[in-house]
Amino acid sequence: MIEPRHLRVLRAVAATGSFSAAARELGCTQPAVSQQMKALEQSSGTPLLVRTGREMRLTQAGEALVRHAAGILAGLTAAEEEVAAIAGLRAGRVRLVSFPSGSSTLVPTALAELRESFPGTRVSLVEAEPPRSVEMLRAGDCEIAVAFRYPEVQRAAGVEPAVGVGAAGVGAAASAGVGAAVDAEVPGAPAEGTAEGSWGKDDLVVRPLLSDRLVGVVPEGHRLAGAGAVGIGELAGEPWIAGCPRCRRHLVDVCEAAGFTPRIDFATDDYPAVIGLVAAGLGVAVLPELALESVRAKGTATVEVEPAVRREVVALTLPDLARVPAVAATLARLESAARREPRP
């Protein structure tokens, strides 16, 4: 009979490529990993790994078992947690993944409420941007993913996507004379509208949390500082500071919809760094309001950008996991925390 602990070891070996690396990830010894893999192969009745020198690869049977392991382990986790709640143990564990600005605003409030109501529930937090966070959820590496996505943008007539920029990815270099290079889009990263780049309608449970508006950030002495609202086209001639790959792609789409391609001189997903670059007069940026709540905006001014752009922030889980009491309670607290966020 195949045991769950053996499946976890197989997944670790497949992900890391060796017994020693898998042992480090799992916090055990290399001989222990080797023994469990032998036991799993005996249970399966067929080899799962082929060893060639220092390299190791999965057999066809091994690939099939790894493919099914995430769903099996997620189902077992759901069963164990639900049984524990029915037995009255009042215990549970939730692994939460969130993007950085969600981690610093929504998540702390939600987890403080959860601990007050259910002190026996343990929650761990790891940060990841979508689509990586959604991939982690589908792979069984977390129970809840707090993620976001942007609406599709219609480009202005006659405006073509910039080479290496836009829906296909941001790969443009910084402008001549500027020493900072723009981070390239991750090769092979899914486009916004694909199933891999967002969340499907059937395979995930989607809990809407809030609509997060993007605002313009300019240096304190900028010509538009103090303006109530500005059209994004008024920033066409400015150097730009862009964020994570998904945010960068959306910035390019929005600007091209307004009839221009932004000149991106700097790219960083660190919001304090964005604020510092803007405050130093090195460019302008657009940031989500959630991000601005968690950083000191010293030396900068914010302006409303028209047309208004908002990103949809949601909490995601799997249908089986949504019935687990600890997961359901965490989702409810995230929704409560989102309602408390001040929205314009």
C-alpha atoms as a PDB file:
ATOM      1  CA  MET A   1       0.000   0.000   0.000  1.00  0.00           C
ATOM      2  CA  ILE A   2       1.277   3.452  -0.905  1.00  0.00           C
ATOM      3  CA  GLU A   3       1.773   5.651   2.160  1.00  0.00           C
ATOM      4  CA  PRO A   4       1.350   9.453   2.125  1.00  0.00           C
ATOM      5  CA  ARG A   5       4.801  10.009   3.699  1.00  0.00           C
ATOM      6  CA  HIS A   6       6.339   8.101   0.799  1.00  0.00           C
ATOM      7  CA  LEU A   7       4.481  10.321  -1.695  1.00  0.00           C
ATOM      8  CA  ARG A   8       5.814  13.437   0.050  1.00  0.00           C
ATOM      9  CA  VAL A   9       9.340  12.061  -0.253  1.00  0.00           C
ATOM     10  CA  LEU A  10       8.817  11.228  -3.942  1.00  0.00           C
ATOM     11  CA  ARG A  11       7.581  14.773  -4.639  1.00  0.00           C
ATOM     12  CA  ALA A  12      10.632  16.226  -2.872  1.00  0.00           C
ATOM     13  CA  VAL A  13      13.022  13.988  -4.833  1.00  0.00           C
ATOM     14  CA  ALA A  14      11.299  14.882  -8.120  1.00  0.00           C
ATOM     15  CA  ALA A  15      11.445  18.603  -7.293  1.00  0.00           C
ATOM     16  CA  THR A  16      15.073  18.685  -6.105  1.00  0.00           C
ATOM     17  CA  GLY A  17      16.637  16.016  -8.315  1.00  0.00           C
ATOM     18  CA  SER A  18      18.527  14.112  -5.634  1.00  0.00           C
ATOM     19  CA  PHE A  19      18.120  12.225  -2.352  1.00  0.00           C
ATOM     20  CA  SER A  20      20.466  14.574  -0.482  1.00  0.00           C
ATOM     21  CA  ALA A  21      18.638  17.730  -1.636  1.00  0.00           C
ATOM     22  CA  ALA A  22      15.283  16.131  -0.811  1.00  0.00           C
ATOM     23  CA  ALA A  23      16.576  15.221   2.646  1.00  0.00           C
ATOM     24  CA  ARG A  24      17.570  18.846   3.290  1.00  0.00           C
ATOM     25  CA  GLU A  25      14.145  20.063   2.185  1.00  0.00           C
ATOM     26  CA  LEU A  26      12.317  17.518   4.347  1.00  0.00           C
ATOM     27  CA  GLY A  27      14.589  17.914   7.360  1.00  0.00           C
ATOM     28  CA  CYS A  28      15.729  14.282   7.499  1.00  0.00           C
ATOM     29  CA  THR A  29      18.773  12.211   6.519  1.00  0.00           C
ATOM     30  CA  GLN A  30      19.720  11.014   3.053  1.00  0.00           C
ATOM     31  CA  PRO A  31      19.559   7.315   4.075  1.00  0.00           C
ATOM     32  CA  ALA A  32      16.016   7.882   5.377  1.00  0.00           C
ATOM     33  CA  VAL A  33      14.976   9.272   1.984  1.00  0.00           C
ATOM     34  CA  SER A  34      16.631   6.330   0.219  1.00  0.00           C
ATOM     35  CA  GLN A  35      14.853   3.818   2.461  1.00  0.00           C
ATOM     36  CA  GLN A  36      11.450   5.412   1.934  1.00  0.00           C
ATOM     37  CA  MET A  37      11.947   5.478  -1.826  1.00  0.00           C
ATOM     38  CA  LYS A  38      12.815   1.759  -1.770  1.00  0.00           C
ATOM     39  CA  ALA A  39       9.669   1.072   0.251  1.00  0.00           C
ATOM     40  CA  LEU A  40       7.566   3.064  -2.219  1.00  0.00           C
ATOM     41  CA  GLU A  41       9.008   1.183  -5.197  1.00  0.00           C
ATOM     42  CA  GLN A  42       8.255  -2.100  -3.451  1.00  0.00           C
ATOM     43  CA  SER A  43       4.678  -0.998  -2.786  1.00  0.00           C
ATOM     44  CA  SER A  44       4.284   0.151  -6.390  1.00  0.00           C
ATOM     45  CA  GLY A  45       5.800  -3.000  -7.813  1.00  0.00           C
ATOM     46  CA  THR A  46       7.855  -1.089 -10.353  1.00  0.00           C
ATOM     47  CA  PRO A  47      10.916   1.235 -10.438  1.00  0.00           C
ATOM     48  CA  LEU A  48      10.059   4.906 -10.004  1.00  0.00           C
ATOM     49  CA  LEU A  49      13.526   6.398 -10.471  1.00  0.00           C
ATOM     50  CA  VAL A  50      16.403   5.809 -12.863  1.00  0.00           C
ATOM     51  CA  ARG A  51      19.857   6.656 -11.508  1.00  0.00           C
ATOM     52  CA  THR A  52      22.564   7.558 -14.048  1.00  0.00           C
ATOM     53  CA  GLY A  53      25.727   8.688 -12.304  1.00  0.00           C
ATOM     54  CA  ARG A  54      24.887  11.726 -10.207  1.00  0.00           C
ATOM     55  CA  GLU A  55      21.689  12.417 -12.101  1.00  0.00           C
ATOM     56  CA  MET A  56      18.288  10.996 -11.298  1.00  0.00           C
ATOM     57  CA  ARG A  57      15.118  10.996 -13.390  1.00  0.00           C
ATOM     58  CA  LEU A  58      11.599   9.640 -13.014  1.00  0.00           C
ATOM     59  CA  THR A  59      10.370   6.598 -14.861  1.00  0.00           C
ATOM     60  CA  GLN A  60       6.987   6.734 -16.587  1.00  0.00           C
ATOM     61  CA  ALA A  61       5.425   5.220 -13.459  1.00  0.00           C
ATOM     62  CA  GLY A  62       7.230   7.763 -11.293  1.00  0.00           C
ATOM     63  CA  GLU A  63       5.916  10.633 -13.395  1.00  0.00           C
ATOM     64  CA  ALA A  64       2.373   9.312 -13.089  1.00  0.00           C
ATOM     65  CA  LEU A  65       2.658   8.993  -9.309  1.00  0.00           C
ATOM     66  CA  VAL A  66       4.064  12.525  -8.910  1.00  0.00           C
ATOM     67  CA  ARG A  67       1.275  13.866 -11.119  1.00  0.00           C
ATOM     68  CA  HIS A  68      -1.366  12.392  -8.809  1.00  0.00           C
ATOM     69  CA  ALA A  69       0.472  13.060  -5.532  1.00  0.00           C
ATOM     70  CA  ALA A  70      -0.661  16.685  -5.075  1.00  0.00           C
ATOM     71  CA  GLY A  71      -4.352  15.811  -5.309  1.00  0.00           C
ATOM     72  CA  ILE A  72      -3.958  12.759  -3.077  1.00  0.00           C
ATOM     73  CA  LEU A  73      -2.108  14.709  -0.376  1.00  0.00           C
ATOM     74  CA  ALA A  74      -4.564  17.642  -0.549  1.00  0.00           C
ATOM     75  CA  GLY A  75      -7.483  15.231  -0.147  1.00  0.00           C
ATOM     76  CA  LEU A  76      -5.800  13.528   2.811  1.00  0.00           C
ATOM     77  CA  THR A  77      -5.123  16.896   4.463  1.00  0.00           C
ATOM     78  CA  ALA A  78      -8.770  17.866   4.049  1.00  0.00           C
ATOM     79  CA  ALA A  79      -9.880  14.526   5.524  1.00  0.00           C
ATOM     80  CA  GLU A  80      -7.514  14.730   8.499  1.00  0.00           C
ATOM     81  CA  GLU A  81      -8.506  18.310   9.372  1.00  0.00           C
ATOM     82  CA  GLU A  82     -12.232  17.635   9.026  1.00  0.00           C
ATOM     83  CA  VAL A  83     -12.035  14.486  11.165  1.00  0.00           C
ATOM     84  CA  ALA A  84     -10.042  16.361  13.816  1.00  0.00           C
ATOM     85  CA  ALA A  85     -12.720  19.079  13.965  1.00  0.00           C
ATOM     86  CA  ILE A  86     -15.537  16.511  14.184  1.00  0.00           C
ATOM     87  CA  ALA A  87     -13.697  14.770  17.028  1.00  0.00           C
ATOM     88  CA  GLY A  88     -13.709  18.067  18.897  1.00  0.00           C
ATOM     89  CA  LEU A  89      -9.972  18.604  18.936  1.00  0.00           C
ATOM     90  CA  ARG A  90     -10.387  22.248  17.947  1.00  0.00           C
ATOM     91  CA  ALA A  91      -7.049  22.165  16.185  1.00  0.00           C
ATOM     92  CA  GLY A  92      -6.031  22.935  12.663  1.00  0.00           C
ATOM     93  CA  ARG A  93      -3.268  24.121  10.391  1.00  0.00           C
ATOM     94  CA  VAL A  94      -3.475  26.539   7.477  1.00  0.00           C
ATOM     95  CA  ARG A  95      -0.643  27.321   5.067  1.00  0.00           C
ATOM     96  CA  LEU A  96      -1.269  30.761   3.570  1.00  0.00           C
ATOM     97  CA  VAL A  97       0.434  32.323   0.543  1.00  0.00           C
ATOM     98  CA  SER A  98       0.001  36.024  -0.178  1.00  0.00           C
ATOM     99  CA  PHE A  99       1.527  38.766  -2.322  1.00  0.00           C
ATOM    100  CA  PRO A 100       3.601  41.323  -0.327  1.00  0.00           C
ATOM    101  CA  SER A 101       1.143  44.218  -0.036  1.00  0.00           C
ATOM    102  CA  GLY A 102      -1.576  41.769   1.012  1.00  0.00           C
ATOM    103  CA  SER A 103       0.786  40.280   3.603  1.00  0.00           C
ATOM    104  CA  SER A 104       1.331  43.694   5.209  1.00  0.00           C
ATOM    105  CA  THR A 105      -2.306  44.889   5.234  1.00  0.00           C
ATOM    106  CA  LEU A 106      -5.073  42.273   4.952  1.00  0.00           C
ATOM    107  CA  VAL A 107      -3.276  39.266   6.403  1.00  0.00           C
ATOM    108  CA  PRO A 108      -2.182  40.649   9.832  1.00  0.00           C
ATOM    109  CA  THR A 109      -5.715  41.819  10.681  1.00  0.00           C
ATOM    110  CA  ALA A 110      -7.235  38.516   9.551  1.00  0.00           C
ATOM    111  CA  LEU A 111      -4.755  36.363  11.475  1.00  0.00           C
ATOM    112  CA  ALA A 112      -5.107  38.437  14.659  1.00  0.00           C
ATOM    113  CA  GLU A 113      -8.892  37.865  14.551  1.00  0.00           C
ATOM    114  CA  LEU A 114      -8.375  34.164  13.843  1.00  0.00           C
ATOM    115  CA  ARG A 115      -5.984  33.703  16.774  1.00  0.00           C
ATOM    116  CA  GLU A 116      -8.387  35.475  19.129  1.00  0.00           C
ATOM    117  CA  SER A 117     -11.275  33.220  18.097  1.00  0.00           C
ATOM    118  CA  PHE A 118      -9.346  29.958  17.548  1.00  0.00           C
ATOM    119  CA  PRO A 119      -6.046  30.026  19.436  1.00  0.00           C
ATOM    120  CA  GLY A 120      -5.423  26.360  18.595  1.00  0.00           C
ATOM    121  CA  THR A 121      -5.301  27.021  14.845  1.00  0.00           C
ATOM    122  CA  ARG A 122      -1.779  27.385  13.482  1.00  0.00           C
ATOM    123  CA  VAL A 123      -1.169  29.510  10.379  1.00  0.00           C
ATOM    124  CA  SER A 124       2.052  29.800   8.387  1.00  0.00           C
ATOM    125  CA  LEU A 125       2.679  32.504   5.773  1.00  0.00           C
ATOM    126  CA  VAL A 126       4.838  32.489   2.641  1.00  0.00           C
ATOM    127  CA  GLU A 127       4.976  35.328   0.113  1.00  0.00           C
ATOM    128  CA  ALA A 128       4.535  34.773  -3.612  1.00  0.00           C
ATOM    129  CA  GLU A 129       3.070  36.806  -6.439  1.00  0.00           C
ATOM    130  CA  PRO A 130       0.458  35.343  -8.768  1.00  0.00           C
ATOM    131  CA  PRO A 131       0.550  33.233 -10.878  1.00  0.00           C
ATOM    132  CA  ARG A 132       3.158  31.467  -8.688  1.00  0.00           C
ATOM    133  CA  SER A 133       0.848  31.536  -5.650  1.00  0.00           C
ATOM    134  CA  VAL A 134      -1.973  29.939  -7.670  1.00  0.00           C
ATOM    135  CA  GLU A 135       0.424  27.245  -8.888  1.00  0.00           C
ATOM    136  CA  MET A 136       1.405  26.532  -5.259  1.00  0.00           C
ATOM    137  CA  LEU A 137      -2.252  26.093  -4.318  1.00  0.00           C
ATOM    138  CA  ARG A 138      -2.926  23.681  -7.179  1.00  0.00           C
ATOM    139  CA  ALA A 139       0.247  21.740  -6.322  1.00  0.00           C
ATOM    140  CA  GLY A 140      -0.864  21.202  -2.726  1.00  0.00           C
ATOM    141  CA  ASP A 141       1.808  23.480  -1.202  1.00  0.00           C
ATOM    142  CA  CYS A 142      -0.724  25.714   0.587  1.00  0.00           C
ATOM    143  CA  GLU A 143      -4.384  25.768   1.603  1.00  0.00           C
ATOM    144  CA  ILE A 144      -5.165  29.420   0.756  1.00  0.00           C
ATOM    145  CA  ALA A 145      -3.665  31.823  -1.779  1.00  0.00           C
ATOM    146  CA  VAL A 146      -4.355  35.553  -1.567  1.00  0.00           C
ATOM    147  CA  ALA A 147      -3.898  36.727  -5.142  1.00  0.00           C
ATOM    148  CA  PHE A 148      -4.803  39.513  -7.545  1.00  0.00           C
ATOM    149  CA  ARG A 149      -5.411  40.052 -11.220  1.00  0.00           C
ATOM    150  CA  TYR A 150      -5.878  43.045 -13.500  1.00  0.00           C
ATOM    151  CA  PRO A 151      -8.713  43.603 -15.962  1.00  0.00           C
ATOM    152  CA  GLU A 152      -8.018  43.263 -19.662  1.00  0.00           C
ATOM    153  CA  VAL A 153      -7.088  46.551 -21.339  1.00  0.00           C
ATOM    154  CA  GLN A 154      -8.117  47.706 -24.814  1.00  0.00           C
ATOM    155  CA  ARG A 155      -5.276  49.508 -26.600  1.00  0.00           C
ATOM    156  CA  ALA A 156      -5.906  52.748 -28.435  1.00  0.00           C
ATOM    157  CA  ALA A 157      -6.391  52.393 -32.187  1.00  0.00           C
ATOM    158  CA  GLY A 158      -3.093  52.297 -34.051  1.00  0.00           C
ATOM    159  CA  VAL A 159      -0.967  51.578 -30.967  1.00  0.00           C
ATOM    160  CA  GLU A 160       1.080  48.389 -31.300  1.00  0.00           C
ATOM    161  CA  PRO A 161       2.592  46.566 -28.311  1.00  0.00           C
ATOM    162  CA  ALA A 162       6.195  47.586 -27.710  1.00  0.00           C
ATOM    163  CA  VAL A 163       8.827  45.016 -28.723  1.00  0.00           C
ATOM    164  CA  GLY A 164       9.451  42.704 -25.770  1.00  0.00           C
ATOM    165  CA  VAL A 165       6.837  44.501 -23.677  1.00  0.00           C
ATOM    166  CA  GLY A 166       3.179  43.950 -22.911  1.00  0.00           C
ATOM    167  CA  ALA A 167       1.192  40.749 -22.922  1.00  0.00           C
ATOM    168  CA  ALA A 168       4.175  38.783 -24.198  1.00  0.00           C
ATOM    169  CA  GLY A 169       6.420  40.037 -21.397  1.00  0.00           C
ATOM    170  CA  VAL A 170       8.550  42.980 -20.336  1.00  0.00           C
ATOM    171  CA  GLY A 171      12.007  42.609 -21.797  1.00  0.00           C
ATOM    172  CA  ALA A 172      12.946  46.129 -22.818  1.00  0.00           C
ATOM    173  CA  ALA A 173      16.255  47.541 -21.642  1.00  0.00           C
ATOM    174  CA  ALA A 174      16.506  50.800 -19.712  1.00  0.00           C
ATOM    175  CA  SER A 175      16.858  54.002 -21.699  1.00  0.00           C
ATOM    176  CA  ALA A 176      20.283  54.951 -23.004  1.00  0.00           C
ATOM    177  CA  GLY A 177      22.421  56.662 -20.410  1.00  0.00           C
ATOM    178  CA  VAL A 178      20.531  55.205 -17.462  1.00  0.00           C
ATOM    179  CA  GLY A 179      22.399  52.588 -15.468  1.00  0.00           C
ATOM    180  CA  ALA A 180      19.422  50.517 -14.253  1.00  0.00           C
ATOM    181  CA  ALA A 181      18.222  47.690 -16.456  1.00  0.00           C
ATOM    182  CA  VAL A 182      14.615  46.583 -16.498  1.00  0.00           C
ATOM    183  CA  ASP A 183      14.091  43.087 -15.133  1.00  0.00           C
ATOM    184  CA  ALA A 184      13.029  40.725 -17.919  1.00  0.00           C
ATOM    185  CA  GLU A 185       9.720  38.907 -17.777  1.00  0.00           C
ATOM    186  CA  VAL A 186      10.124  35.335 -16.604  1.00  0.00           C
ATOM    187  CA  PRO A 187      10.554  33.201 -19.761  1.00  0.00           C
ATOM    188  CA  GLY A 188       7.471  31.139 -20.430  1.00  0.00           C
ATOM    189  CA  ALA A 189       5.383  32.991 -17.825  1.00  0.00           C
ATOM    190  CA  PRO A 190       1.680  32.608 -18.616  1.00  0.00           C
ATOM    191  CA  ALA A 191      -0.219  35.540 -20.036  1.00  0.00           C
ATOM    192  CA  GLU A 192      -2.803  37.284 -17.864  1.00  0.00           C
ATOM    193  CA  GLY A 193      -5.801  35.765 -19.547  1.00  0.00           C
ATOM    194  CA  THR A 194      -4.643  32.149 -19.631  1.00  0.00           C
ATOM    195  CA  ALA A 195      -5.800  29.498 -17.201  1.00  0.00           C
ATOM    196  CA  GLU A 196      -2.264  29.261 -15.810  1.00  0.00           C
ATOM    197  CA  GLY A 197      -2.023  33.038 -15.390  1.00  0.00           C
ATOM    198  CA  SER A 198      -5.279  33.441 -13.453  1.00  0.00           C
ATOM    199  CA  TRP A 199      -7.824  31.258 -11.705  1.00  0.00           C
ATOM    200  CA  GLY A 200     -10.322  29.000 -13.412  1.00  0.00           C
ATOM    201  CA  LYS A 201     -14.066  29.002 -12.750  1.00  0.00           C
ATOM    202  CA  ASP A 202     -14.433  25.378 -11.685  1.00  0.00           C
ATOM    203  CA  ASP A 203     -11.263  24.012 -10.115  1.00  0.00           C
ATOM    204  CA  LEU A 204     -10.864  26.700  -7.421  1.00  0.00           C
ATOM    205  CA  VAL A 205     -13.100  28.351  -4.844  1.00  0.00           C
ATOM    206  CA  VAL A 206     -12.852  32.139  -5.311  1.00  0.00           C
ATOM    207  CA  ARG A 207     -13.689  34.537  -2.471  1.00  0.00           C
ATOM    208  CA  PRO A 208     -13.613  38.190  -3.648  1.00  0.00           C
ATOM    209  CA  LEU A 209     -11.969  40.428  -1.061  1.00  0.00           C
ATOM    210  CA  LEU A 210     -11.680  43.938  -2.475  1.00  0.00           C
ATOM    211  CA  SER A 211     -11.039  46.129  -5.487  1.00  0.00           C
ATOM    212  CA  ASP A 212      -7.628  47.784  -5.082  1.00  0.00           C
ATOM    213  CA  ARG A 213      -7.227  51.093  -6.933  1.00  0.00           C
ATOM    214  CA  LEU A 214      -3.925  52.107  -8.503  1.00  0.00           C
ATOM    215  CA  VAL A 215      -2.715  55.643  -7.801  1.00  0.00           C
ATOM    216  CA  GLY A 216       0.024  57.733  -9.362  1.00  0.00           C
ATOM    217  CA  VAL A 217       3.160  58.486  -7.342  1.00  0.00           C
ATOM    218  CA  VAL A 218       5.296  61.504  -8.325  1.00  0.00           C
ATOM    219  CA  PRO A 219       8.177  63.386  -6.663  1.00  0.00           C
ATOM    220  CA  GLU A 220       7.108  65.968  -4.086  1.00  0.00           C
ATOM    221  CA  GLY A 221       8.131  68.908  -6.303  1.00  0.00           C
ATOM    222  CA  HIS A 222       6.711  67.451  -9.516  1.00  0.00           C
ATOM    223  CA  ARG A 223       4.603  69.682 -11.775  1.00  0.00           C
ATOM    224  CA  LEU A 224       1.568  67.449 -11.120  1.00  0.00           C
ATOM    225  CA  ALA A 225       2.015  67.141  -7.347  1.00  0.00           C
ATOM    226  CA  GLY A 226      -1.113  68.479  -5.689  1.00  0.00           C
ATOM    227  CA  ALA A 227      -3.277  67.891  -8.751  1.00  0.00           C
ATOM    228  CA  GLY A 228      -6.568  66.273  -7.838  1.00  0.00           C
ATOM    229  CA  ALA A 229      -6.571  63.874 -10.754  1.00  0.00           C
ATOM    230  CA  VAL A 230      -4.511  63.481 -13.918  1.00  0.00           C
ATOM    231  CA  GLY A 231      -4.964  61.558 -17.102  1.00  0.00           C
ATOM    232  CA  ILE A 232      -2.277  58.923 -17.451  1.00  0.00           C
ATOM    233  CA  GLY A 233      -1.406  60.467 -20.813  1.00  0.00           C
ATOM    234  CA  GLU A 234      -0.069  63.511 -18.938  1.00  0.00           C
ATOM    235  CA  LEU A 235       2.745  61.280 -17.698  1.00  0.00           C
ATOM    236  CA  ALA A 236       3.679  60.089 -21.184  1.00  0.00           C
ATOM    237  CA  GLY A 237       7.024  61.877 -21.287  1.00  0.00           C
ATOM    238  CA  GLU A 238       8.149  60.775 -17.830  1.00  0.00           C
ATOM    239  CA  PRO A 239      10.639  58.016 -16.949  1.00  0.00           C
ATOM    240  CA  TRP A 240       8.817  55.195 -15.161  1.00  0.00           C
ATOM    241  CA  ILE A 241       9.559  52.910 -12.241  1.00  0.00           C
ATOM    242  CA  ALA A 242       7.710  49.594 -12.665  1.00  0.00           C
ATOM    243  CA  GLY A 243       6.895  46.757 -10.294  1.00  0.00           C
ATOM    244  CA  CYS A 244       6.569  42.971 -10.489  1.00  0.00           C
ATOM    245  CA  PRO A 245       6.350  41.307 -13.942  1.00  0.00           C
ATOM    246  CA  ARG A 246       2.541  41.119 -13.873  1.00  0.00           C
ATOM    247  CA  CYS A 247       2.254  44.756 -12.708  1.00  0.00           C
ATOM    248  CA  ARG A 248       4.811  45.836 -15.308  1.00  0.00           C
ATOM    249  CA  ARG A 249       2.857  44.138 -18.066  1.00  0.00           C
ATOM    250  CA  HIS A 250      -0.352  45.807 -16.960  1.00  0.00           C
ATOM    251  CA  LEU A 251       1.321  49.239 -16.744  1.00  0.00           C
ATOM    252  CA  VAL A 252       2.448  48.889 -20.357  1.00  0.00           C
ATOM    253  CA  ASP A 253      -1.045  47.812 -21.433  1.00  0.00           C
ATOM    254  CA  VAL A 254      -2.698  50.783 -19.689  1.00  0.00           C
ATOM    255  CA  CYS A 255      -0.229  53.279 -21.147  1.00  0.00           C
ATOM    256  CA  GLU A 256      -0.559  51.833 -24.628  1.00  0.00           C
ATOM    257  CA  ALA A 257      -4.335  52.067 -24.276  1.00  0.00           C
ATOM    258  CA  ALA A 258      -3.784  55.792 -23.661  1.00  0.00           C
ATOM    259  CA  GLY A 259      -1.681  56.073 -26.828  1.00  0.00           C
ATOM    260  CA  PHE A 260       1.924  55.872 -25.624  1.00  0.00           C
ATOM    261  CA  THR A 261       4.539  53.341 -24.565  1.00  0.00           C
ATOM    262  CA  PRO A 262       6.098  54.063 -21.167  1.00  0.00           C
ATOM    263  CA  ARG A 263       9.858  54.486 -20.883  1.00  0.00           C
ATOM    264  CA  ILE A 264      10.673  52.113 -18.013  1.00  0.00           C
ATOM    265  CA  ASP A 265      14.049  53.022 -16.511  1.00  0.00           C
ATOM    266  CA  PHE A 266      13.821  51.015 -13.287  1.00  0.00           C
ATOM    267  CA  ALA A 267      11.975  47.864 -12.253  1.00  0.00           C
ATOM    268  CA  THR A 268      11.635  46.486  -8.736  1.00  0.00           C
ATOM    269  CA  ASP A 269       8.937  44.632  -6.808  1.00  0.00           C
ATOM    270  CA  ASP A 270      10.159  46.236  -3.564  1.00  0.00           C
ATOM    271  CA  TYR A 271       7.682  49.040  -2.782  1.00  0.00           C
ATOM    272  CA  PRO A 272      10.003  51.042  -0.464  1.00  0.00           C
ATOM    273  CA  ALA A 273      12.540  51.010  -3.321  1.00  0.00           C
ATOM    274  CA  VAL A 274       9.895  52.376  -5.709  1.00  0.00           C
ATOM    275  CA  ILE A 275       9.095  55.180  -3.256  1.00  0.00           C
ATOM    276  CA  GLY A 276      12.805  55.945  -2.793  1.00  0.00           C
ATOM    277  CA  LEU A 277      13.412  56.160  -6.543  1.00  0.00           C
ATOM    278  CA  VAL A 278      10.390  58.421  -7.046  1.00  0.00           C
ATOM    279  CA  ALA A 279      11.377  60.645  -4.090  1.00  0.00           C
ATOM    280  CA  ALA A 280      14.855  61.041  -5.619  1.00  0.00           C
ATOM    281  CA  GLY A 281      13.246  62.422  -8.784  1.00  0.00           C
ATOM    282  CA  LEU A 282      14.228  59.448 -10.936  1.00  0.00           C
ATOM    283  CA  GLY A 283      10.764  58.753 -12.288  1.00  0.00           C
ATOM    284  CA  VAL A 284       7.056  58.281 -11.628  1.00  0.00           C
ATOM    285  CA  ALA A 285       5.079  55.169 -10.773  1.00  0.00           C
ATOM    286  CA  VAL A 286       1.622  53.773 -10.213  1.00  0.00           C
ATOM    287  CA  LEU A 287       1.110  51.696  -7.071  1.00  0.00           C
ATOM    288  CA  PRO A 288      -1.847  49.874  -5.543  1.00  0.00           C
ATOM    289  CA  GLU A 289      -3.387  51.586  -2.533  1.00  0.00           C
ATOM    290  CA  LEU A 290      -2.648  48.482  -0.439  1.00  0.00           C
ATOM    291  CA  ALA A 291       1.056  48.966  -1.157  1.00  0.00           C
ATOM    292  CA  LEU A 292       0.970  52.628  -0.135  1.00  0.00           C
ATOM    293  CA  GLU A 293      -0.651  51.715   3.182  1.00  0.00           C
ATOM    294  CA  SER A 294       2.416  49.716   4.173  1.00  0.00           C
ATOM    295  CA  VAL A 295       5.241  52.140   3.230  1.00  0.00           C
ATOM    296  CA  ARG A 296       6.280  55.665   4.190  1.00  0.00           C
ATOM    297  CA  ALA A 297       5.716  57.855   1.159  1.00  0.00           C
ATOM    298  CA  LYS A 298       8.225  60.516   2.284  1.00  0.00           C
ATOM    299  CA  GLY A 299       9.314  62.826  -0.524  1.00  0.00           C
ATOM    300  CA  THR A 300       6.484  61.832  -2.848  1.00  0.00           C
ATOM    301  CA  ALA A 301       2.958  62.935  -3.697  1.00  0.00           C
ATOM    302  CA  THR A 302       0.033  60.794  -4.842  1.00  0.00           C
ATOM    303  CA  VAL A 303      -2.426  61.701  -7.568  1.00  0.00           C
ATOM    304  CA  GLU A 304      -5.542  59.999  -8.855  1.00  0.00           C
ATOM    305  CA  VAL A 305      -4.976  58.510 -12.288  1.00  0.00           C
ATOM    306  CA  GLU A 306      -7.696  58.576 -14.915  1.00  0.00           C
ATOM    307  CA  PRO A 307      -9.128  56.413 -16.268  1.00  0.00           C
ATOM    308  CA  ALA A 308      -9.301  54.646 -12.908  1.00  0.00           C
ATOM    309  CA  VAL A 309      -7.522  51.278 -12.820  1.00  0.00           C
ATOM    310  CA  ARG A 310      -8.254  48.670 -10.169  1.00  0.00           C
ATOM    311  CA  ARG A 311      -6.999  45.177  -9.512  1.00  0.00           C
ATOM    312  CA  GLU A 312      -9.219  42.423  -8.135  1.00  0.00           C
ATOM    313  CA  VAL A 313      -7.931  40.914  -4.875  1.00  0.00           C
ATOM    314  CA  VAL A 314      -9.279  37.474  -3.942  1.00  0.00           C
ATOM    315  CA  ALA A 315      -8.672  34.543  -1.623  1.00  0.00           C
ATOM    316  CA  LEU A 316      -8.433  31.175  -3.378  1.00  0.00           C
ATOM    317  CA  THR A 317      -8.652  27.593  -2.156  1.00  0.00           C
ATOM    318  CA  LEU A 318      -9.581  24.138  -3.426  1.00  0.00           C
ATOM    319  CA  PRO A 319     -13.178  22.855  -3.124  1.00  0.00           C
ATOM    320  CA  ASP A 320     -12.198  20.038  -0.730  1.00  0.00           C
ATOM    321  CA  LEU A 321     -10.176  22.391   1.447  1.00  0.00           C
ATOM    322  CA  ALA A 322     -12.973  24.986   1.622  1.00  0.00           C
ATOM    323  CA  ARG A 323     -14.908  22.551   3.837  1.00  0.00           C
ATOM    324  CA  VAL A 324     -12.054  22.239   6.357  1.00  0.00           C
ATOM    325  CA  PRO A 325     -13.042  24.311   9.444  1.00  0.00           C
ATOM    326  CA  ALA A 326      -9.646  25.997   9.886  1.00  0.00           C
ATOM    327  CA  VAL A 327      -9.534  26.989   6.205  1.00  0.00           C
ATOM    328  CA  ALA A 328     -13.145  28.226   6.253  1.00  0.00           C
ATOM    329  CA  ALA A 329     -12.437  30.297   9.380  1.00  0.00           C
ATOM    330  CA  THR A 330      -9.343  31.853   7.783  1.00  0.00           C
ATOM    331  CA  LEU A 331     -11.274  32.735   4.630  1.00  0.00           C
ATOM    332  CA  ALA A 332     -13.984  34.372   6.741  1.00  0.00           C
ATOM    333  CA  ARG A 333     -11.384  36.455   8.611  1.00  0.00           C
ATOM    334  CA  LEU A 334      -9.769  37.552   5.351  1.00  0.00           C
ATOM    335  CA  GLU A 335     -13.174  38.701   4.100  1.00  0.00           C
ATOM    336  CA  SER A 336     -13.750  40.561   7.379  1.00  0.00           C
ATOM    337  CA  ALA A 337     -10.339  42.251   7.158  1.00  0.00           C
ATOM    338  CA  ALA A 338     -11.061  43.327   3.567  1.00  0.00           C
ATOM    339  CA  ARG A 339     -14.318  44.984   4.637  1.00  0.00           C
ATOM    340  CA  ARG A 340     -12.370  47.043   7.179  1.00  0.00           C
ATOM    341  CA  GLU A 341      -9.943  48.370   4.563  1.00  0.00           C
ATOM    342  CA  PRO A 342     -10.839  52.020   3.760  1.00  0.00           C
ATOM    343  CA  ARG A 343     -11.992  52.245   0.144  1.00  0.00           C
ATOM    344  CA  PRO A 344     -12.529  55.544  -1.718  1.00  0.00           C
END
